[in-house]
Amino acid sequence: MAVHLISYLKDQFTPAVVDKLGSVLNESPVDTLKAINGVLPTLLGGLTRRIQATGGASAIISFLDKGDYSNVPLEISQTLDNHPPLSETVTASRGFLDHIFDDKLTRVTELVGTYSGVKPQSAMTLLGLAGTILMGVLGRQEQENGLTGSGLKTLLLGQATEFQKSVPEGLGSINSLLGFDELVTPTGPQTEVQGTDNFSGNAVDPNIPKSPEGDRRQENVRWLRWAMIAIAILIIALLIQKCSQNQNGVDGISTDSTARVESNEVEDTSAATKQSVEEANGQTADSTASGPLGIRDSTKAKP
């Protein structure tokens, strides 16, 4: 069963989502749904025509590589719960839409609005919502799994005819504006990317070809993560060791807490002290001199 990008995007716009969008945009649910059915093949067909141009696929991949998709919602219903706000979601895809439609973007929204009965601004909002979801899926695949320009081209051209046939009859002006007559799937055997449908089960990991570049990126990220953890552990260990050392209260220099502190007091040599010592010991001079206790000063001993 082929990968159906249009079906994947259509599944985002459930009846409840369509009703909420109609209320937010001040449009009827019928007109809102009609606009959505025009927006989706226009978006996918426009992207396919862009990658058919010389250097188009590499330009789209280069654009996707620069994006940050950590806050890009995977489902449109998330934006209606104000996480993130609807306006931010629409703005996020503006650069992506400019890459796809170039100077024809305004005319595209006007034609969708005329066909469906919604305001051009409402058509732009719906196109921006679908564009954000598609950009998020492709962007994650490029950064996490190494989606290449060749893989993107294979994915889109494998469904080109389906995109062209999905354009509503009343929106034929889009066909001529964007050259949808050139949306034709090449003949030949099915490629791997056109085989099994993984989009319905896992939006983050659809069935898109991977490349060694994606594996290298993941390996580099894992290596860097472990290196940062090791450095953090080393820093913490050094801090703990530093804090455990004894420090004095003046300049933070480590000291030995077991060392005996010598007194800085000056020896008392006053006359009163000497007399007290003499009365107690019999002398004040060198007690190591030879002679009886108390008269060991040999210079004063009687003959």
Protein backbone atom coordinates (compact mmCIF):
# COMPACT_ATOMS: atom_id res chain seq x y z
CA MET A 1 0.00 0.00 0.00
CA ALA A 2 1.43 3.35 -1.09
CA VAL A 3 2.35 6.11 1.31
CA HIS A 4 -0.50 8.62 1.11
CA LEU A 5 0.71 12.04 2.19
CA ILE A 6 -2.65 13.60 1.41
CA SER A 7 -4.44 11.02 3.55
CA TYR A 8 -1.97 11.66 6.34
CA LEU A 9 -2.64 15.40 6.28
CA LYS A 10 -6.39 14.93 5.85
CA ASP A 11 -6.45 12.83 9.00
CA GLN A 12 -5.26 15.90 10.87
CA PHE A 13 -8.46 17.75 10.03
CA THR A 14 -11.03 15.73 11.95
CA PRO A 15 -14.65 16.98 12.08
CA ALA A 16 -14.00 18.40 15.54
CA VAL A 17 -10.90 20.23 14.30
CA VAL A 18 -12.77 21.58 11.28
CA ASP A 19 -15.55 22.91 13.52
CA LYS A 20 -13.05 24.61 15.84
CA LEU A 21 -11.15 26.12 12.94
CA GLY A 22 -14.35 27.42 11.40
CA SER A 23 -15.24 29.07 14.71
CA VAL A 24 -11.78 30.60 15.14
CA LEU A 25 -11.66 31.86 11.55
CA ASN A 26 -15.28 32.96 11.57
CA GLU A 27 -16.02 30.69 8.62
CA SER A 28 -18.68 28.03 8.18
CA PRO A 29 -17.53 24.42 8.70
CA VAL A 30 -18.62 23.58 5.14
CA ASP A 31 -16.51 26.33 3.58
CA THR A 32 -13.61 25.54 5.92
CA LEU A 33 -13.58 21.88 4.87
CA LYS A 34 -13.82 22.88 1.21
CA ALA A 35 -10.81 25.14 1.62
CA ILE A 36 -8.85 22.34 3.34
CA ASN A 37 -9.58 19.98 0.45
CA GLY A 38 -8.12 22.59 -1.88
CA VAL A 39 -5.15 23.49 0.31
CA LEU A 40 -3.73 19.99 0.80
CA PRO A 41 -3.12 18.94 -2.84
CA THR A 42 -1.99 22.50 -3.58
CA LEU A 43 0.63 22.31 -0.82
CA LEU A 44 1.92 18.86 -1.77
CA GLY A 45 1.75 19.53 -5.49
CA GLY A 46 3.56 22.84 -5.06
CA LEU A 47 6.32 21.16 -3.04
CA THR A 48 6.68 18.45 -5.68
CA ARG A 49 6.96 21.03 -8.46
CA ARG A 50 9.62 22.83 -6.40
CA ILE A 51 11.79 19.73 -6.05
CA GLN A 52 11.40 19.01 -9.77
CA ALA A 53 13.20 22.27 -10.54
CA THR A 54 16.99 22.23 -10.85
CA GLY A 55 18.48 22.39 -7.35
CA GLY A 56 15.01 22.49 -5.81
CA ALA A 57 15.34 19.35 -3.69
CA SER A 58 18.70 20.38 -2.22
CA ALA A 59 17.31 23.88 -1.50
CA ILE A 60 14.39 22.42 0.46
CA ILE A 61 16.70 20.07 2.39
CA SER A 62 19.02 22.98 3.20
CA PHE A 63 16.05 24.96 4.51
CA LEU A 64 14.84 22.04 6.64
CA ASP A 65 18.33 21.50 8.06
CA LYS A 66 18.35 24.99 9.60
CA GLY A 67 15.04 24.60 11.44
CA ASP A 68 14.29 23.85 15.09
CA TYR A 69 11.39 21.40 15.31
CA SER A 70 11.36 20.80 19.06
CA ASN A 71 8.24 22.94 19.46
CA VAL A 72 6.59 22.20 16.12
CA PRO A 73 3.33 20.32 16.78
CA LEU A 74 2.75 16.91 15.25
CA GLU A 75 -1.00 17.37 15.19
CA ILE A 76 -3.15 20.36 14.29
CA SER A 77 -5.39 19.63 17.27
CA GLN A 78 -2.50 20.67 19.54
CA THR A 79 -2.56 24.19 18.13
CA LEU A 80 -6.26 24.56 18.90
CA ASP A 81 -5.49 23.91 22.57
CA ASN A 82 -3.17 26.96 22.53
CA HIS A 83 0.04 24.93 22.74
CA PRO A 84 1.49 26.62 20.83
CA PRO A 85 -1.00 29.33 19.85
CA LEU A 86 -2.56 29.09 16.39
CA SER A 87 -0.89 32.29 15.18
CA GLU A 88 2.60 30.99 16.11
CA THR A 89 1.97 27.72 14.29
CA VAL A 90 0.95 29.51 11.11
CA THR A 91 3.93 31.87 11.27
CA ALA A 92 6.36 28.99 11.77
CA SER A 93 5.76 27.67 8.25
CA ARG A 94 5.87 30.98 6.39
CA GLY A 95 9.47 30.52 5.26
CA PHE A 96 8.66 26.98 4.14
CA LEU A 97 5.71 28.21 2.08
CA ASP A 98 7.82 30.97 0.54
CA HIS A 99 10.34 28.33 -0.58
CA ILE A 100 7.53 26.31 -2.17
CA PHE A 101 5.43 28.97 -3.85
CA ASP A 102 7.85 31.89 -4.13
CA ASP A 103 5.99 34.99 -5.39
CA LYS A 104 2.85 32.97 -6.16
CA LEU A 105 1.86 32.45 -2.50
CA THR A 106 -0.58 35.37 -2.32
CA ARG A 107 -2.24 34.36 -5.58
CA VAL A 108 -2.58 30.76 -4.34
CA THR A 109 -4.47 31.83 -1.21
CA GLU A 110 -6.71 34.10 -3.28
CA LEU A 111 -7.62 31.26 -5.62
CA VAL A 112 -8.33 28.88 -2.72
CA GLY A 113 -10.47 31.54 -1.07
CA THR A 114 -12.46 32.18 -4.24
CA TYR A 115 -13.01 28.46 -4.77
CA SER A 116 -14.07 27.64 -1.19
CA GLY A 117 -15.80 30.85 -0.15
CA VAL A 118 -13.46 31.60 2.75
CA LYS A 119 -11.45 34.79 3.15
CA PRO A 120 -7.93 34.79 1.65
CA GLN A 121 -6.55 35.26 5.16
CA SER A 122 -8.43 32.15 6.32
CA ALA A 123 -7.02 30.24 3.35
CA MET A 124 -3.54 31.39 4.34
CA THR A 125 -4.11 30.17 7.90
CA LEU A 126 -5.21 26.74 6.72
CA LEU A 127 -2.28 26.52 4.30
CA GLY A 128 0.07 27.56 7.10
CA LEU A 129 -1.29 24.90 9.45
CA ALA A 130 -0.90 22.12 6.90
CA GLY A 131 2.51 23.49 5.96
CA THR A 132 3.70 23.44 9.58
CA ILE A 133 2.74 19.79 10.07
CA LEU A 134 4.39 18.75 6.80
CA MET A 135 7.49 20.82 7.53
CA GLY A 136 7.77 19.30 11.01
CA VAL A 137 7.61 15.73 9.72
CA LEU A 138 10.10 16.29 6.91
CA GLY A 139 12.37 18.42 9.10
CA ARG A 140 12.60 15.76 11.80
CA GLN A 141 13.35 13.15 9.17
CA GLU A 142 16.13 15.30 7.72
CA GLN A 143 17.77 15.99 11.07
CA GLU A 144 17.21 12.65 12.78
CA ASN A 145 17.29 10.14 9.94
CA GLY A 146 19.32 11.94 7.29
CA LEU A 147 16.62 12.53 4.68
CA THR A 148 18.42 13.60 1.51
CA GLY A 149 17.32 15.57 -1.52
CA SER A 150 17.19 12.34 -3.49
CA GLY A 151 15.02 10.67 -0.85
CA LEU A 152 12.64 13.63 -0.74
CA LYS A 153 12.36 13.63 -4.52
CA THR A 154 11.62 9.91 -4.57
CA LEU A 155 8.96 10.31 -1.90
CA LEU A 156 7.12 13.14 -3.65
CA LEU A 157 7.43 11.97 -7.25
CA GLY A 158 6.09 8.60 -6.17
CA GLN A 159 2.78 10.35 -5.45
CA ALA A 160 2.87 13.18 -7.99
CA THR A 161 -0.02 11.84 -10.06
CA GLU A 162 -2.13 11.44 -6.93
CA PHE A 163 -1.50 15.07 -5.96
CA GLN A 164 -2.56 16.24 -9.38
CA LYS A 165 -5.76 14.18 -9.35
CA SER A 166 -6.67 15.39 -5.85
CA VAL A 167 -7.00 19.02 -6.91
CA PRO A 168 -10.76 19.83 -6.86
CA GLU A 169 -12.39 20.48 -10.23
CA GLY A 170 -13.30 24.01 -9.28
CA LEU A 171 -9.68 24.83 -8.57
CA GLY A 172 -8.34 24.28 -12.07
CA SER A 173 -6.71 27.70 -12.04
CA ILE A 174 -4.20 26.33 -9.53
CA ASN A 175 -3.16 23.72 -12.09
CA SER A 176 -2.20 26.34 -14.64
CA LEU A 177 -0.65 28.70 -12.07
CA LEU A 178 1.69 26.08 -10.62
CA GLY A 179 2.15 23.84 -13.65
CA PHE A 180 0.47 20.81 -12.14
CA ASP A 181 0.24 19.22 -15.58
CA GLU A 182 3.84 18.16 -14.96
CA LEU A 183 2.89 16.25 -11.81
CA VAL A 184 3.34 12.73 -13.14
CA THR A 185 4.72 9.76 -11.23
CA PRO A 186 7.57 8.14 -13.18
CA THR A 187 6.79 4.70 -14.54
CA GLY A 188 8.69 1.66 -13.30
CA PRO A 189 8.78 -0.65 -10.28
CA GLN A 190 7.81 0.64 -6.88
CA THR A 191 10.66 1.94 -4.80
CA GLU A 192 11.02 1.18 -1.10
CA VAL A 193 9.74 4.61 -0.20
CA GLN A 194 6.52 4.05 -2.13
CA GLY A 195 5.88 0.67 -0.51
CA THR A 196 4.65 0.31 3.02
CA ASP A 197 2.62 2.99 4.76
CA ASN A 198 4.15 3.96 8.10
CA PHE A 199 2.70 7.45 8.25
CA SER A 200 -0.60 6.43 9.82
CA GLY A 201 1.12 4.71 12.74
CA ASN A 202 4.02 7.01 13.50
CA ALA A 203 4.19 10.60 12.36
CA VAL A 204 7.73 11.10 13.57
CA ASP A 205 9.16 8.14 11.70
CA PRO A 206 7.35 7.82 8.37
CA ASN A 207 8.61 5.52 5.66
CA ILE A 208 11.28 7.81 4.26
CA PRO A 209 14.71 6.60 3.10
CA LYS A 210 17.51 7.02 5.60
CA SER A 211 21.16 7.69 4.88
CA PRO A 212 24.47 7.09 6.69
CA GLU A 213 24.58 10.82 7.38
CA GLY A 214 21.64 10.46 9.75
CA ASP A 215 23.37 7.65 11.62
CA ARG A 216 26.52 9.72 11.94
CA ARG A 217 24.57 12.64 13.36
CA GLN A 218 22.88 10.46 15.95
CA GLU A 219 26.23 8.91 16.95
CA ASN A 220 27.82 12.35 17.33
CA VAL A 221 24.94 13.52 19.51
CA ARG A 222 25.24 10.46 21.75
CA TRP A 223 29.03 10.87 22.08
CA LEU A 224 28.72 14.55 22.94
CA ARG A 225 26.01 13.83 25.53
CA TRP A 226 28.18 11.27 27.36
CA ALA A 227 31.23 13.54 27.22
CA MET A 228 29.26 16.38 28.82
CA ILE A 229 28.01 14.04 31.56
CA ALA A 230 31.57 12.88 32.32
CA ILE A 231 32.84 16.46 32.51
CA ALA A 232 30.00 17.42 34.84
CA ILE A 233 30.76 14.50 37.18
CA LEU A 234 34.45 15.47 37.27
CA ILE A 235 33.65 19.08 38.13
CA ILE A 236 31.28 18.02 40.92
CA ALA A 237 33.93 15.66 42.37
CA LEU A 238 36.53 18.45 42.40
CA LEU A 239 34.11 20.84 44.10
CA ILE A 240 33.29 18.26 46.79
CA GLN A 241 36.99 17.62 47.41
CA LYS A 242 37.70 21.34 47.67
CA CYS A 243 34.86 21.94 50.11
CA SER A 244 36.00 19.04 52.34
CA GLN A 245 39.45 20.60 52.98
CA ASN A 246 39.96 22.65 56.23
CA GLN A 247 40.29 26.34 55.63
CA ASN A 248 41.03 29.24 58.00
CA GLY A 249 38.56 32.05 58.28
CA VAL A 250 40.82 34.76 56.84
CA ASP A 251 41.98 33.84 53.37
CA GLY A 252 40.58 30.38 52.68
CA ILE A 253 44.03 28.72 52.69
CA SER A 254 43.91 25.05 53.61
CA THR A 255 45.52 24.30 57.02
CA ASP A 256 46.25 21.25 59.14
CA SER A 257 43.70 21.22 61.94
CA THR A 258 45.89 18.83 64.02
CA ALA A 259 48.89 21.17 64.19
CA ARG A 260 49.71 22.67 67.65
CA VAL A 261 49.42 26.43 67.68
CA GLU A 262 52.43 28.15 69.23
CA SER A 263 51.77 31.17 71.40
CA ASN A 264 52.93 34.50 70.06
CA GLU A 265 53.21 36.00 73.58
CA VAL A 266 56.60 37.55 74.64
CA GLU A 267 58.41 35.89 77.57
CA ASP A 268 57.90 37.77 80.85
CA THR A 269 61.39 38.89 82.10
CA SER A 270 60.34 41.45 84.68
CA ALA A 271 62.19 41.70 88.04
CA ALA A 272 59.14 40.52 89.95
CA THR A 273 58.91 37.40 87.81
CA LYS A 274 62.62 36.65 88.24
CA GLN A 275 62.34 37.00 92.01
CA SER A 276 59.36 34.67 92.03
CA VAL A 277 61.29 32.11 90.03
CA GLU A 278 64.34 32.43 92.32
CA GLU A 279 62.26 31.90 95.43
CA ALA A 280 60.69 28.85 93.89
CA ASN A 281 63.80 27.29 92.40
CA GLY A 282 66.69 28.94 94.18
CA GLN A 283 67.99 30.71 91.05
CA THR A 284 67.14 32.63 87.99
CA ALA A 285 70.20 31.74 85.91
CA ASP A 286 70.94 28.63 83.92
CA SER A 287 69.66 25.63 85.83
CA THR A 288 71.91 23.34 83.87
CA ALA A 289 75.08 24.67 85.53
CA SER A 290 76.95 22.28 87.82
CA GLY A 291 76.64 22.54 91.61
CA PRO A 292 74.09 21.96 94.36
CA LEU A 293 70.46 22.91 93.74
CA GLY A 294 69.92 26.59 94.17
CA ILE A 295 73.60 27.53 93.88
CA ARG A 296 74.44 26.01 90.54
CA ASP A 297 75.93 29.24 89.28
CA SER A 298 79.63 28.16 89.40
CA THR A 299 80.76 31.78 89.26
CA LYS A 300 79.16 32.42 92.68
CA ALA A 301 80.07 29.21 94.47
CA LYS A 302 82.27 29.53 97.60
CA PRO A 303 85.75 28.05 97.46
